[in-house]
Amino acid sequence: MNKACPIILREKHGVIAVLGFTHPLAGKQLVKGTIETGESLEQACIRELLEESGVCATPRVFLGTWDSGYEGQVWGFYLMAGPEQLPEHWDFFTNDDGGQLFKFFWQRLDENPDAEWHPLFVGAINFVKMALARADI
């Protein structure tokens, strides 16, 4: 496992949604990043979520690992416990790739991701849906 993917969910009016963002160069994505040397998956999830979104959260439930089929990347997923109320949308300036403005939103899990989602992340969302069903969350 070499990538960390922290998952933030919210339930609103009985609908579950996952936190996503629009990358200015690469389309819609989930928060994800490289696990650094000596870092655990849990530590990487905390760090990546904070660095990419400004959200401080702690790992709650391990959802499993997924072989992305892309450049040998194996992703580890953690459902995170974060703030009770996050905005519907917000922008966050991250230092990734020399500085980028990420635009955050909620992707309903009962709807298919649209064409703006990077295909790799469509696969990741499908993995998350299956993992949540197995975990009965």
C-alpha atoms as a PDB file:
ATOM      1  CA  MET A   1       0.000   0.000   0.000  1.00  0.00           C
ATOM      2  CA  ASN A   2       1.485   3.325  -1.050  1.00  0.00           C
ATOM      3  CA  LYS A   3      -1.427   5.801  -1.187  1.00  0.00           C
ATOM      4  CA  ALA A   4      -3.690   7.088   1.575  1.00  0.00           C
ATOM      5  CA  CYS A   5      -7.290   8.001   0.858  1.00  0.00           C
ATOM      6  CA  PRO A   6      -9.181   9.552   3.795  1.00  0.00           C
ATOM      7  CA  ILE A   7     -12.951   9.411   3.352  1.00  0.00           C
ATOM      8  CA  ILE A   8     -15.312  11.960   4.872  1.00  0.00           C
ATOM      9  CA  LEU A   9     -19.021  11.175   4.610  1.00  0.00           C
ATOM     10  CA  ARG A  10     -22.077  13.188   5.463  1.00  0.00           C
ATOM     11  CA  GLU A  11     -25.730  12.304   5.662  1.00  0.00           C
ATOM     12  CA  LYS A  12     -28.245  14.964   4.731  1.00  0.00           C
ATOM     13  CA  HIS A  13     -31.966  14.249   4.314  1.00  0.00           C
ATOM     14  CA  GLY A  14     -31.203  10.523   4.270  1.00  0.00           C
ATOM     15  CA  VAL A  15     -28.660  10.840   1.441  1.00  0.00           C
ATOM     16  CA  ILE A  16     -25.027   9.792   1.976  1.00  0.00           C
ATOM     17  CA  ALA A  17     -22.363  11.818   0.176  1.00  0.00           C
ATOM     18  CA  VAL A  18     -18.571  11.648   0.061  1.00  0.00           C
ATOM     19  CA  LEU A  19     -16.262  14.651   0.138  1.00  0.00           C
ATOM     20  CA  GLY A  20     -14.710  15.384  -3.243  1.00  0.00           C
ATOM     21  CA  PHE A  21     -12.956  18.289  -4.884  1.00  0.00           C
ATOM     22  CA  THR A  22     -12.250  19.713  -8.291  1.00  0.00           C
ATOM     23  CA  HIS A  23      -8.547  19.868  -9.107  1.00  0.00           C
ATOM     24  CA  PRO A  24      -7.859  22.795 -11.467  1.00  0.00           C
ATOM     25  CA  LEU A  25      -5.858  20.594 -13.861  1.00  0.00           C
ATOM     26  CA  ALA A  26      -7.126  17.051 -13.324  1.00  0.00           C
ATOM     27  CA  GLY A  27     -10.893  17.071 -12.762  1.00  0.00           C
ATOM     28  CA  LYS A  28     -12.920  15.842  -9.818  1.00  0.00           C
ATOM     29  CA  GLN A  29     -11.152  13.692  -7.250  1.00  0.00           C
ATOM     30  CA  LEU A  30     -11.129  12.339  -3.725  1.00  0.00           C
ATOM     31  CA  VAL A  31      -8.432  13.420  -1.287  1.00  0.00           C
ATOM     32  CA  LYS A  32      -5.491  11.054  -1.768  1.00  0.00           C
ATOM     33  CA  GLY A  33      -1.742  11.186  -1.351  1.00  0.00           C
ATOM     34  CA  THR A  34       1.480   9.284  -0.947  1.00  0.00           C
ATOM     35  CA  ILE A  35       2.269   7.567   2.337  1.00  0.00           C
ATOM     36  CA  GLU A  36       5.626   8.983   3.381  1.00  0.00           C
ATOM     37  CA  THR A  37       8.531   6.869   4.679  1.00  0.00           C
ATOM     38  CA  GLY A  38       7.944   5.868   8.289  1.00  0.00           C
ATOM     39  CA  GLU A  39       4.334   7.050   8.210  1.00  0.00           C
ATOM     40  CA  SER A  40       1.349   4.805   8.947  1.00  0.00           C
ATOM     41  CA  LEU A  41      -1.775   4.794   6.803  1.00  0.00           C
ATOM     42  CA  GLU A  42      -3.645   6.492   9.640  1.00  0.00           C
ATOM     43  CA  GLN A  43      -1.026   9.251   9.914  1.00  0.00           C
ATOM     44  CA  ALA A  44      -0.998   9.764   6.143  1.00  0.00           C
ATOM     45  CA  CYS A  45      -4.805  10.054   6.045  1.00  0.00           C
ATOM     46  CA  ILE A  46      -4.774  12.728   8.761  1.00  0.00           C
ATOM     47  CA  ARG A  47      -1.973  14.652   7.034  1.00  0.00           C
ATOM     48  CA  GLU A  48      -3.357  14.419   3.486  1.00  0.00           C
ATOM     49  CA  LEU A  49      -6.840  15.508   4.530  1.00  0.00           C
ATOM     50  CA  LEU A  50      -5.466  18.507   6.401  1.00  0.00           C
ATOM     51  CA  GLU A  51      -3.013  19.474   3.627  1.00  0.00           C
ATOM     52  CA  GLU A  52      -5.522  19.180   0.791  1.00  0.00           C
ATOM     53  CA  SER A  53      -8.755  20.386   2.417  1.00  0.00           C
ATOM     54  CA  GLY A  54      -7.947  22.139   5.688  1.00  0.00           C
ATOM     55  CA  VAL A  55     -10.139  19.597   7.511  1.00  0.00           C
ATOM     56  CA  CYS A  56      -8.837  18.080  10.738  1.00  0.00           C
ATOM     57  CA  ALA A  57     -10.163  14.552  11.302  1.00  0.00           C
ATOM     58  CA  THR A  58      -9.163  11.248  12.846  1.00  0.00           C
ATOM     59  CA  PRO A  59      -9.310   7.738  11.380  1.00  0.00           C
ATOM     60  CA  ARG A  60     -12.412   5.837  12.511  1.00  0.00           C
ATOM     61  CA  VAL A  61     -12.923   2.723  10.358  1.00  0.00           C
ATOM     62  CA  PHE A  62     -10.437   1.002   8.029  1.00  0.00           C
ATOM     63  CA  LEU A  63     -12.283   0.372   4.763  1.00  0.00           C
ATOM     64  CA  GLY A  64      -9.628  -1.741   3.068  1.00  0.00           C
ATOM     65  CA  THR A  65      -7.122  -1.547   0.257  1.00  0.00           C
ATOM     66  CA  TRP A  66      -7.675  -1.209  -3.462  1.00  0.00           C
ATOM     67  CA  ASP A  67      -5.280  -1.995  -6.299  1.00  0.00           C
ATOM     68  CA  SER A  68      -5.945   0.958  -8.587  1.00  0.00           C
ATOM     69  CA  GLY A  69      -4.327  -0.630 -11.642  1.00  0.00           C
ATOM     70  CA  TYR A  70      -2.475   2.654 -12.179  1.00  0.00           C
ATOM     71  CA  GLU A  71       1.323   2.829 -11.873  1.00  0.00           C
ATOM     72  CA  GLY A  72       1.391   0.160  -9.153  1.00  0.00           C
ATOM     73  CA  GLN A  73      -0.666   2.314  -6.795  1.00  0.00           C
ATOM     74  CA  VAL A  74      -2.390   0.468  -3.958  1.00  0.00           C
ATOM     75  CA  TRP A  75      -4.690   2.729  -1.986  1.00  0.00           C
ATOM     76  CA  GLY A  76      -5.601   2.377   1.676  1.00  0.00           C
ATOM     77  CA  PHE A  77      -8.944   3.863   2.717  1.00  0.00           C
ATOM     78  CA  TYR A  78     -10.012   5.140   6.129  1.00  0.00           C
ATOM     79  CA  LEU A  79     -13.406   6.492   7.032  1.00  0.00           C
ATOM     80  CA  MET A  80     -12.574   9.616   9.021  1.00  0.00           C
ATOM     81  CA  ALA A  81     -14.364  11.218  11.965  1.00  0.00           C
ATOM     82  CA  GLY A  82     -14.289  14.944  11.434  1.00  0.00           C
ATOM     83  CA  PRO A  83     -16.222  18.085  12.182  1.00  0.00           C
ATOM     84  CA  GLU A  84     -19.980  17.641  12.568  1.00  0.00           C
ATOM     85  CA  GLN A  85     -20.818  20.380  10.093  1.00  0.00           C
ATOM     86  CA  LEU A  86     -18.808  21.130   6.979  1.00  0.00           C
ATOM     87  CA  PRO A  87     -19.966  23.649   4.370  1.00  0.00           C
ATOM     88  CA  GLU A  88     -21.813  22.621   1.230  1.00  0.00           C
ATOM     89  CA  HIS A  89     -18.879  23.975  -0.831  1.00  0.00           C
ATOM     90  CA  TRP A  90     -15.556  25.595  -0.032  1.00  0.00           C
ATOM     91  CA  ASP A  91     -12.245  26.464  -1.649  1.00  0.00           C
ATOM     92  CA  PHE A  92      -8.878  25.560  -0.160  1.00  0.00           C
ATOM     93  CA  PHE A  93      -5.464  26.652  -1.366  1.00  0.00           C
ATOM     94  CA  THR A  94      -2.996  23.782  -1.055  1.00  0.00           C
ATOM     95  CA  ASN A  95       0.749  23.766  -1.617  1.00  0.00           C
ATOM     96  CA  ASP A  96       0.461  20.630  -3.794  1.00  0.00           C
ATOM     97  CA  ASP A  97       2.208  20.917  -7.160  1.00  0.00           C
ATOM     98  CA  GLY A  98       3.495  24.415  -6.397  1.00  0.00           C
ATOM     99  CA  GLY A  99       0.117  25.653  -5.142  1.00  0.00           C
ATOM    100  CA  GLN A 100      -3.397  24.824  -6.302  1.00  0.00           C
ATOM    101  CA  LEU A 101      -6.913  25.981  -5.446  1.00  0.00           C
ATOM    102  CA  PHE A 102      -9.102  22.962  -4.736  1.00  0.00           C
ATOM    103  CA  LYS A 103     -12.897  23.416  -4.838  1.00  0.00           C
ATOM    104  CA  PHE A 104     -14.654  21.058  -2.407  1.00  0.00           C
ATOM    105  CA  PHE A 105     -18.158  19.627  -2.738  1.00  0.00           C
ATOM    106  CA  TRP A 106     -20.223  16.579  -1.758  1.00  0.00           C
ATOM    107  CA  GLN A 107     -20.754  13.716  -4.213  1.00  0.00           C
ATOM    108  CA  ARG A 108     -23.916  11.734  -3.545  1.00  0.00           C
ATOM    109  CA  LEU A 109     -23.197   8.011  -3.378  1.00  0.00           C
ATOM    110  CA  ASP A 110     -26.604   7.154  -4.819  1.00  0.00           C
ATOM    111  CA  GLU A 111     -25.685   8.929  -8.066  1.00  0.00           C
ATOM    112  CA  ASN A 112     -23.037   7.977 -10.606  1.00  0.00           C
ATOM    113  CA  PRO A 113     -20.092  10.373 -10.848  1.00  0.00           C
ATOM    114  CA  ASP A 114     -20.327  12.647 -13.879  1.00  0.00           C
ATOM    115  CA  ALA A 115     -17.807  12.919 -16.746  1.00  0.00           C
ATOM    116  CA  GLU A 116     -15.797  15.554 -14.864  1.00  0.00           C
ATOM    117  CA  TRP A 117     -14.543  12.895 -12.429  1.00  0.00           C
ATOM    118  CA  HIS A 118     -11.086  11.551 -13.187  1.00  0.00           C
ATOM    119  CA  PRO A 119     -11.659   7.883 -14.200  1.00  0.00           C
ATOM    120  CA  LEU A 120      -9.270   6.594 -11.531  1.00  0.00           C
ATOM    121  CA  PHE A 121     -11.408   8.221  -8.850  1.00  0.00           C
ATOM    122  CA  VAL A 122     -14.620   6.743 -10.266  1.00  0.00           C
ATOM    123  CA  GLY A 123     -13.067   3.356  -9.510  1.00  0.00           C
ATOM    124  CA  ALA A 124     -12.138   4.559  -6.025  1.00  0.00           C
ATOM    125  CA  ILE A 125     -15.716   5.728  -5.357  1.00  0.00           C
ATOM    126  CA  ASN A 126     -17.020   2.337  -6.453  1.00  0.00           C
ATOM    127  CA  PHE A 127     -14.565   0.677  -4.042  1.00  0.00           C
ATOM    128  CA  VAL A 128     -15.766   2.953  -1.219  1.00  0.00           C
ATOM    129  CA  LYS A 129     -19.415   2.086  -1.953  1.00  0.00           C
ATOM    130  CA  MET A 130     -18.650  -1.647  -1.780  1.00  0.00           C
ATOM    131  CA  ALA A 131     -16.548  -1.238   1.384  1.00  0.00           C
ATOM    132  CA  LEU A 132     -19.289   0.769   3.110  1.00  0.00           C
ATOM    133  CA  ALA A 133     -21.862  -1.898   2.204  1.00  0.00           C
ATOM    134  CA  ARG A 134     -19.606  -4.630   3.660  1.00  0.00           C
ATOM    135  CA  ALA A 135     -18.952  -2.609   6.805  1.00  0.00           C
ATOM    136  CA  ASP A 136     -22.669  -1.851   7.168  1.00  0.00           C
ATOM    137  CA  ILE A 137     -21.997   1.831   7.793  1.00  0.00           C
END
